[in-house]
């Protein structure tokens, strides 16, 4: 028989990997633009400075002074123009305004068409999260079947563990769905 500690470790691994999938999806959702200013919108912006590529939040402070404005305050004033150029190149659809020290990014109201495009993108990301969770389930099921095949666990135990794994999978898919539903409501809010 496989000892309970081994099975427990397998399930802990599964839960950790499923949580990472949900966490990654949550992070991706923060980068999806809604009609409101959110510093997370600039998470994906990378800047080439000092001969290396860095995240924007490593070279500047990003704040949302109000619901329709983002402010980027570079740590080094000489980097303002480089940051401005990268923001213009990004696919965020934002136009930076700079006074030489601070870069302001007004958030325009989103059109219905743009909102629907964002919802489609959200649905793709949500499906990717579900697939990642199901892939973890498949990997663990293969481990359990291998244990049953080499007589480490009985058939009854295999079925019990598979049921337990399915519950774990359903919980994490529900978490991803909840994150997606919240973001969709935020996107469709006018």
C-alpha atoms as a PDB file:
ATOM      1  CA  UNK A   1       0.000   0.000   0.000  1.00  0.00           C
ATOM      2  CA  UNK A   2       1.128   3.546  -0.746  1.00  0.00           C
ATOM      3  CA  UNK A   3       1.393   5.239   2.557  1.00  0.00           C
ATOM      4  CA  UNK A   4      -1.004   8.060   3.326  1.00  0.00           C
ATOM      5  CA  UNK A   5       1.828  10.595   3.460  1.00  0.00           C
ATOM      6  CA  UNK A   6       2.703   9.946  -0.210  1.00  0.00           C
ATOM      7  CA  UNK A   7      -0.910  10.408  -1.297  1.00  0.00           C
ATOM      8  CA  UNK A   8      -1.205  13.517   0.873  1.00  0.00           C
ATOM      9  CA  UNK A   9       1.902  14.955  -0.822  1.00  0.00           C
ATOM     10  CA  UNK A  10       0.410  14.215  -4.242  1.00  0.00           C
ATOM     11  CA  UNK A  11      -2.761  16.094  -3.285  1.00  0.00           C
ATOM     12  CA  UNK A  12      -0.803  18.993  -1.775  1.00  0.00           C
ATOM     13  CA  UNK A  13       1.146  19.250  -5.031  1.00  0.00           C
ATOM     14  CA  UNK A  14      -2.097  19.189  -7.026  1.00  0.00           C
ATOM     15  CA  UNK A  15      -3.674  21.889  -4.864  1.00  0.00           C
ATOM     16  CA  UNK A  16      -0.581  24.089  -5.068  1.00  0.00           C
ATOM     17  CA  UNK A  17      -0.416  23.808  -8.866  1.00  0.00           C
ATOM     18  CA  UNK A  18      -4.151  24.501  -9.231  1.00  0.00           C
ATOM     19  CA  UNK A  19      -3.844  27.538  -6.921  1.00  0.00           C
ATOM     20  CA  UNK A  20      -0.991  28.841  -9.090  1.00  0.00           C
ATOM     21  CA  UNK A  21      -3.223  28.539 -12.166  1.00  0.00           C
ATOM     22  CA  UNK A  22      -5.983  30.531 -10.462  1.00  0.00           C
ATOM     23  CA  UNK A  23      -3.429  33.067  -9.185  1.00  0.00           C
ATOM     24  CA  UNK A  24      -1.953  33.535 -12.650  1.00  0.00           C
ATOM     25  CA  UNK A  25      -5.440  34.070 -14.078  1.00  0.00           C
ATOM     26  CA  UNK A  26      -6.189  36.612 -11.327  1.00  0.00           C
ATOM     27  CA  UNK A  27      -2.980  38.500 -12.196  1.00  0.00           C
ATOM     28  CA  UNK A  28      -3.823  38.447 -15.905  1.00  0.00           C
ATOM     29  CA  UNK A  29      -7.281  39.837 -15.110  1.00  0.00           C
ATOM     30  CA  UNK A  30      -5.754  42.820 -13.324  1.00  0.00           C
ATOM     31  CA  UNK A  31      -4.000  43.762 -16.560  1.00  0.00           C
ATOM     32  CA  UNK A  32      -7.248  43.859 -18.534  1.00  0.00           C
ATOM     33  CA  UNK A  33      -8.340  47.437 -18.931  1.00  0.00           C
ATOM     34  CA  UNK A  34     -11.707  48.465 -17.576  1.00  0.00           C
ATOM     35  CA  UNK A  35     -13.144  51.957 -17.641  1.00  0.00           C
ATOM     36  CA  UNK A  36     -11.451  52.650 -14.301  1.00  0.00           C
ATOM     37  CA  UNK A  37      -7.831  53.556 -13.626  1.00  0.00           C
ATOM     38  CA  UNK A  38      -5.911  50.685 -12.055  1.00  0.00           C
ATOM     39  CA  UNK A  39      -2.101  50.634 -11.618  1.00  0.00           C
ATOM     40  CA  UNK A  40      -2.242  46.919 -12.512  1.00  0.00           C
ATOM     41  CA  UNK A  41      -3.056  47.940 -16.083  1.00  0.00           C
ATOM     42  CA  UNK A  42       0.601  48.861 -16.548  1.00  0.00           C
ATOM     43  CA  UNK A  43       1.980  45.578 -15.142  1.00  0.00           C
ATOM     44  CA  UNK A  44       2.828  44.264 -18.609  1.00  0.00           C
ATOM     45  CA  UNK A  45       4.687  47.401 -19.770  1.00  0.00           C
ATOM     46  CA  UNK A  46       8.419  46.825 -20.063  1.00  0.00           C
ATOM     47  CA  UNK A  47      10.994  49.580 -20.514  1.00  0.00           C
ATOM     48  CA  UNK A  48      14.479  49.331 -22.066  1.00  0.00           C
ATOM     49  CA  UNK A  49      16.718  51.415 -19.811  1.00  0.00           C
ATOM     50  CA  UNK A  50      20.367  51.296 -18.849  1.00  0.00           C
ATOM     51  CA  UNK A  51      20.968  48.465 -21.328  1.00  0.00           C
ATOM     52  CA  UNK A  52      18.362  46.117 -19.820  1.00  0.00           C
ATOM     53  CA  UNK A  53      14.615  45.503 -19.986  1.00  0.00           C
ATOM     54  CA  UNK A  54      12.682  46.234 -16.789  1.00  0.00           C
ATOM     55  CA  UNK A  55       9.100  46.328 -15.618  1.00  0.00           C
ATOM     56  CA  UNK A  56       7.665  49.844 -15.460  1.00  0.00           C
ATOM     57  CA  UNK A  57       7.008  49.484 -11.724  1.00  0.00           C
ATOM     58  CA  UNK A  58      10.767  48.935 -11.205  1.00  0.00           C
ATOM     59  CA  UNK A  59      11.650  52.359 -12.620  1.00  0.00           C
ATOM     60  CA  UNK A  60       8.641  54.424 -11.556  1.00  0.00           C
ATOM     61  CA  UNK A  61       5.845  54.740  -9.028  1.00  0.00           C
ATOM     62  CA  UNK A  62       2.419  54.117 -10.559  1.00  0.00           C
ATOM     63  CA  UNK A  63      -0.664  55.579  -8.872  1.00  0.00           C
ATOM     64  CA  UNK A  64      -4.310  56.181  -9.670  1.00  0.00           C
ATOM     65  CA  UNK A  65      -5.109  59.673  -8.325  1.00  0.00           C
ATOM     66  CA  UNK A  66      -8.718  59.270  -9.501  1.00  0.00           C
ATOM     67  CA  UNK A  67     -10.933  56.830 -11.402  1.00  0.00           C
ATOM     68  CA  UNK A  68     -10.026  58.261 -14.821  1.00  0.00           C
ATOM     69  CA  UNK A  69      -6.289  58.927 -14.453  1.00  0.00           C
ATOM     70  CA  UNK A  70      -3.037  57.038 -13.916  1.00  0.00           C
ATOM     71  CA  UNK A  71       0.116  58.848 -12.855  1.00  0.00           C
ATOM     72  CA  UNK A  72       3.619  57.520 -13.493  1.00  0.00           C
ATOM     73  CA  UNK A  73       6.391  59.169 -11.468  1.00  0.00           C
ATOM     74  CA  UNK A  74       9.812  57.956 -12.699  1.00  0.00           C
ATOM     75  CA  UNK A  75      12.527  57.536 -10.069  1.00  0.00           C
ATOM     76  CA  UNK A  76      14.987  59.141 -12.532  1.00  0.00           C
ATOM     77  CA  UNK A  77      13.689  62.211 -14.431  1.00  0.00           C
ATOM     78  CA  UNK A  78      15.964  61.451 -17.387  1.00  0.00           C
ATOM     79  CA  UNK A  79      13.857  58.340 -18.163  1.00  0.00           C
ATOM     80  CA  UNK A  80      10.575  60.226 -18.718  1.00  0.00           C
ATOM     81  CA  UNK A  81      10.833  60.307 -22.533  1.00  0.00           C
ATOM     82  CA  UNK A  82      11.801  56.605 -22.774  1.00  0.00           C
ATOM     83  CA  UNK A  83       8.853  55.641 -20.549  1.00  0.00           C
ATOM     84  CA  UNK A  84       6.522  57.854 -22.577  1.00  0.00           C
ATOM     85  CA  UNK A  85       7.618  56.162 -25.843  1.00  0.00           C
ATOM     86  CA  UNK A  86       7.040  52.674 -24.401  1.00  0.00           C
ATOM     87  CA  UNK A  87       3.595  53.661 -23.131  1.00  0.00           C
ATOM     88  CA  UNK A  88       2.685  54.909 -26.603  1.00  0.00           C
ATOM     89  CA  UNK A  89       3.899  51.624 -28.159  1.00  0.00           C
ATOM     90  CA  UNK A  90       1.946  49.475 -25.685  1.00  0.00           C
ATOM     91  CA  UNK A  91      -1.416  48.046 -26.767  1.00  0.00           C
ATOM     92  CA  UNK A  92      -3.263  49.764 -23.925  1.00  0.00           C
ATOM     93  CA  UNK A  93      -4.674  52.515 -26.130  1.00  0.00           C
ATOM     94  CA  UNK A  94      -3.599  55.235 -23.696  1.00  0.00           C
ATOM     95  CA  UNK A  95      -1.964  58.536 -24.639  1.00  0.00           C
ATOM     96  CA  UNK A  96       0.606  59.776 -22.125  1.00  0.00           C
ATOM     97  CA  UNK A  97       0.878  63.471 -21.201  1.00  0.00           C
ATOM     98  CA  UNK A  98       4.110  64.562 -19.560  1.00  0.00           C
ATOM     99  CA  UNK A  99       5.248  67.740 -17.837  1.00  0.00           C
ATOM    100  CA  UNK A 100       8.863  66.551 -17.681  1.00  0.00           C
ATOM    101  CA  UNK A 101       8.543  65.023 -14.215  1.00  0.00           C
ATOM    102  CA  UNK A 102       5.319  63.075 -14.102  1.00  0.00           C
ATOM    103  CA  UNK A 103       3.495  61.197 -16.855  1.00  0.00           C
ATOM    104  CA  UNK A 104      -0.278  61.327 -16.737  1.00  0.00           C
ATOM    105  CA  UNK A 105      -2.375  58.730 -18.548  1.00  0.00           C
ATOM    106  CA  UNK A 106      -6.030  59.766 -18.898  1.00  0.00           C
ATOM    107  CA  UNK A 107      -8.294  56.729 -19.126  1.00  0.00           C
ATOM    108  CA  UNK A 108     -10.870  57.339 -21.870  1.00  0.00           C
ATOM    109  CA  UNK A 109     -14.344  55.885 -21.428  1.00  0.00           C
ATOM    110  CA  UNK A 110     -14.548  52.492 -23.101  1.00  0.00           C
ATOM    111  CA  UNK A 111     -16.815  51.945 -26.074  1.00  0.00           C
ATOM    112  CA  UNK A 112     -19.275  49.052 -26.045  1.00  0.00           C
ATOM    113  CA  UNK A 113     -17.261  47.344 -28.797  1.00  0.00           C
ATOM    114  CA  UNK A 114     -14.021  47.660 -26.775  1.00  0.00           C
ATOM    115  CA  UNK A 115     -15.757  46.271 -23.686  1.00  0.00           C
ATOM    116  CA  UNK A 116     -16.959  43.238 -25.646  1.00  0.00           C
ATOM    117  CA  UNK A 117     -13.430  42.681 -27.025  1.00  0.00           C
ATOM    118  CA  UNK A 118     -12.091  42.768 -23.468  1.00  0.00           C
ATOM    119  CA  UNK A 119     -14.741  40.245 -22.363  1.00  0.00           C
ATOM    120  CA  UNK A 120     -13.669  37.919 -25.216  1.00  0.00           C
ATOM    121  CA  UNK A 121     -10.053  38.220 -24.081  1.00  0.00           C
ATOM    122  CA  UNK A 122     -11.145  37.529 -20.511  1.00  0.00           C
ATOM    123  CA  UNK A 123     -13.048  34.395 -21.608  1.00  0.00           C
ATOM    124  CA  UNK A 124      -9.941  33.093 -23.437  1.00  0.00           C
ATOM    125  CA  UNK A 125      -7.815  33.638 -20.328  1.00  0.00           C
ATOM    126  CA  UNK A 126     -10.480  31.987 -18.174  1.00  0.00           C
ATOM    127  CA  UNK A 127     -10.560  28.940 -20.442  1.00  0.00           C
ATOM    128  CA  UNK A 128      -6.751  28.774 -20.319  1.00  0.00           C
ATOM    129  CA  UNK A 129      -6.967  28.698 -16.501  1.00  0.00           C
ATOM    130  CA  UNK A 130      -9.548  25.905 -16.607  1.00  0.00           C
ATOM    131  CA  UNK A 131      -7.385  23.898 -19.013  1.00  0.00           C
ATOM    132  CA  UNK A 132      -4.350  24.352 -16.753  1.00  0.00           C
ATOM    133  CA  UNK A 133      -6.367  23.101 -13.759  1.00  0.00           C
ATOM    134  CA  UNK A 134      -7.647  20.100 -15.723  1.00  0.00           C
ATOM    135  CA  UNK A 135      -4.088  19.322 -16.871  1.00  0.00           C
ATOM    136  CA  UNK A 136      -3.030  19.129 -13.235  1.00  0.00           C
ATOM    137  CA  UNK A 137      -5.955  16.762 -12.587  1.00  0.00           C
ATOM    138  CA  UNK A 138      -4.883  14.579 -15.528  1.00  0.00           C
ATOM    139  CA  UNK A 139      -1.280  14.406 -14.256  1.00  0.00           C
ATOM    140  CA  UNK A 140      -2.408  13.398 -10.771  1.00  0.00           C
ATOM    141  CA  UNK A 141      -4.867  10.825 -12.167  1.00  0.00           C
ATOM    142  CA  UNK A 142      -1.996   9.232 -14.098  1.00  0.00           C
ATOM    143  CA  UNK A 143       0.057   9.057 -10.889  1.00  0.00           C
ATOM    144  CA  UNK A 144      -2.864   7.470  -9.040  1.00  0.00           C
ATOM    145  CA  UNK A 145      -3.473   4.923 -11.826  1.00  0.00           C
ATOM    146  CA  UNK A 146       0.227   4.033 -11.822  1.00  0.00           C
ATOM    147  CA  UNK A 147       0.026   3.464  -8.041  1.00  0.00           C
ATOM    148  CA  UNK A 148      -3.000   1.229  -8.524  1.00  0.00           C
ATOM    149  CA  UNK A 149      -1.307  -0.659 -11.346  1.00  0.00           C
ATOM    150  CA  UNK A 150       1.760  -1.436  -9.245  1.00  0.00           C
ATOM    151  CA  UNK A 151      -0.569  -2.494  -6.394  1.00  0.00           C
ATOM    152  CA  UNK A 152       0.417   0.400  -4.071  1.00  0.00           C
ATOM    153  CA  UNK A 153      -3.249   1.289  -3.711  1.00  0.00           C
ATOM    154  CA  UNK A 154      -6.395  -0.762  -4.184  1.00  0.00           C
ATOM    155  CA  UNK A 155      -9.065  -0.111  -6.791  1.00  0.00           C
ATOM    156  CA  UNK A 156     -11.390   1.178  -4.077  1.00  0.00           C
ATOM    157  CA  UNK A 157      -8.741   3.625  -2.899  1.00  0.00           C
ATOM    158  CA  UNK A 158      -8.138   4.699  -6.488  1.00  0.00           C
ATOM    159  CA  UNK A 159     -11.827   5.562  -6.928  1.00  0.00           C
ATOM    160  CA  UNK A 160     -11.942   7.373  -3.591  1.00  0.00           C
ATOM    161  CA  UNK A 161      -8.823   9.409  -4.479  1.00  0.00           C
ATOM    162  CA  UNK A 162     -10.196  10.188  -7.942  1.00  0.00           C
ATOM    163  CA  UNK A 163     -13.411  11.501  -6.367  1.00  0.00           C
ATOM    164  CA  UNK A 164     -11.337  13.614  -3.981  1.00  0.00           C
ATOM    165  CA  UNK A 165      -9.275  14.912  -6.920  1.00  0.00           C
ATOM    166  CA  UNK A 166     -12.414  15.803  -8.866  1.00  0.00           C
ATOM    167  CA  UNK A 167     -13.740  17.804  -5.891  1.00  0.00           C
ATOM    168  CA  UNK A 168     -10.424  19.666  -5.704  1.00  0.00           C
ATOM    169  CA  UNK A 169     -10.580  20.352  -9.448  1.00  0.00           C
ATOM    170  CA  UNK A 170     -14.182  21.575  -9.244  1.00  0.00           C
ATOM    171  CA  UNK A 171     -13.273  23.932  -6.356  1.00  0.00           C
ATOM    172  CA  UNK A 172     -10.457  25.528  -8.331  1.00  0.00           C
ATOM    173  CA  UNK A 173     -12.461  25.803 -11.550  1.00  0.00           C
ATOM    174  CA  UNK A 174     -15.176  27.528  -9.476  1.00  0.00           C
ATOM    175  CA  UNK A 175     -12.549  29.946  -8.076  1.00  0.00           C
ATOM    176  CA  UNK A 176     -11.385  30.790 -11.603  1.00  0.00           C
ATOM    177  CA  UNK A 177     -15.004  31.238 -12.715  1.00  0.00           C
ATOM    178  CA  UNK A 178     -15.636  33.565  -9.767  1.00  0.00           C
ATOM    179  CA  UNK A 179     -12.600  35.702 -10.665  1.00  0.00           C
ATOM    180  CA  UNK A 180     -13.778  35.787 -14.291  1.00  0.00           C
ATOM    181  CA  UNK A 181     -17.357  36.710 -13.358  1.00  0.00           C
ATOM    182  CA  UNK A 182     -16.167  39.581 -11.141  1.00  0.00           C
ATOM    183  CA  UNK A 183     -13.911  40.941 -13.892  1.00  0.00           C
ATOM    184  CA  UNK A 184     -16.641  40.565 -16.521  1.00  0.00           C
ATOM    185  CA  UNK A 185     -19.084  42.526 -14.343  1.00  0.00           C
ATOM    186  CA  UNK A 186     -16.405  45.205 -13.911  1.00  0.00           C
ATOM    187  CA  UNK A 187     -15.814  45.323 -17.682  1.00  0.00           C
ATOM    188  CA  UNK A 188     -19.484  45.613 -18.558  1.00  0.00           C
ATOM    189  CA  UNK A 189     -20.188  48.242 -15.887  1.00  0.00           C
ATOM    190  CA  UNK A 190     -20.860  51.560 -17.622  1.00  0.00           C
END
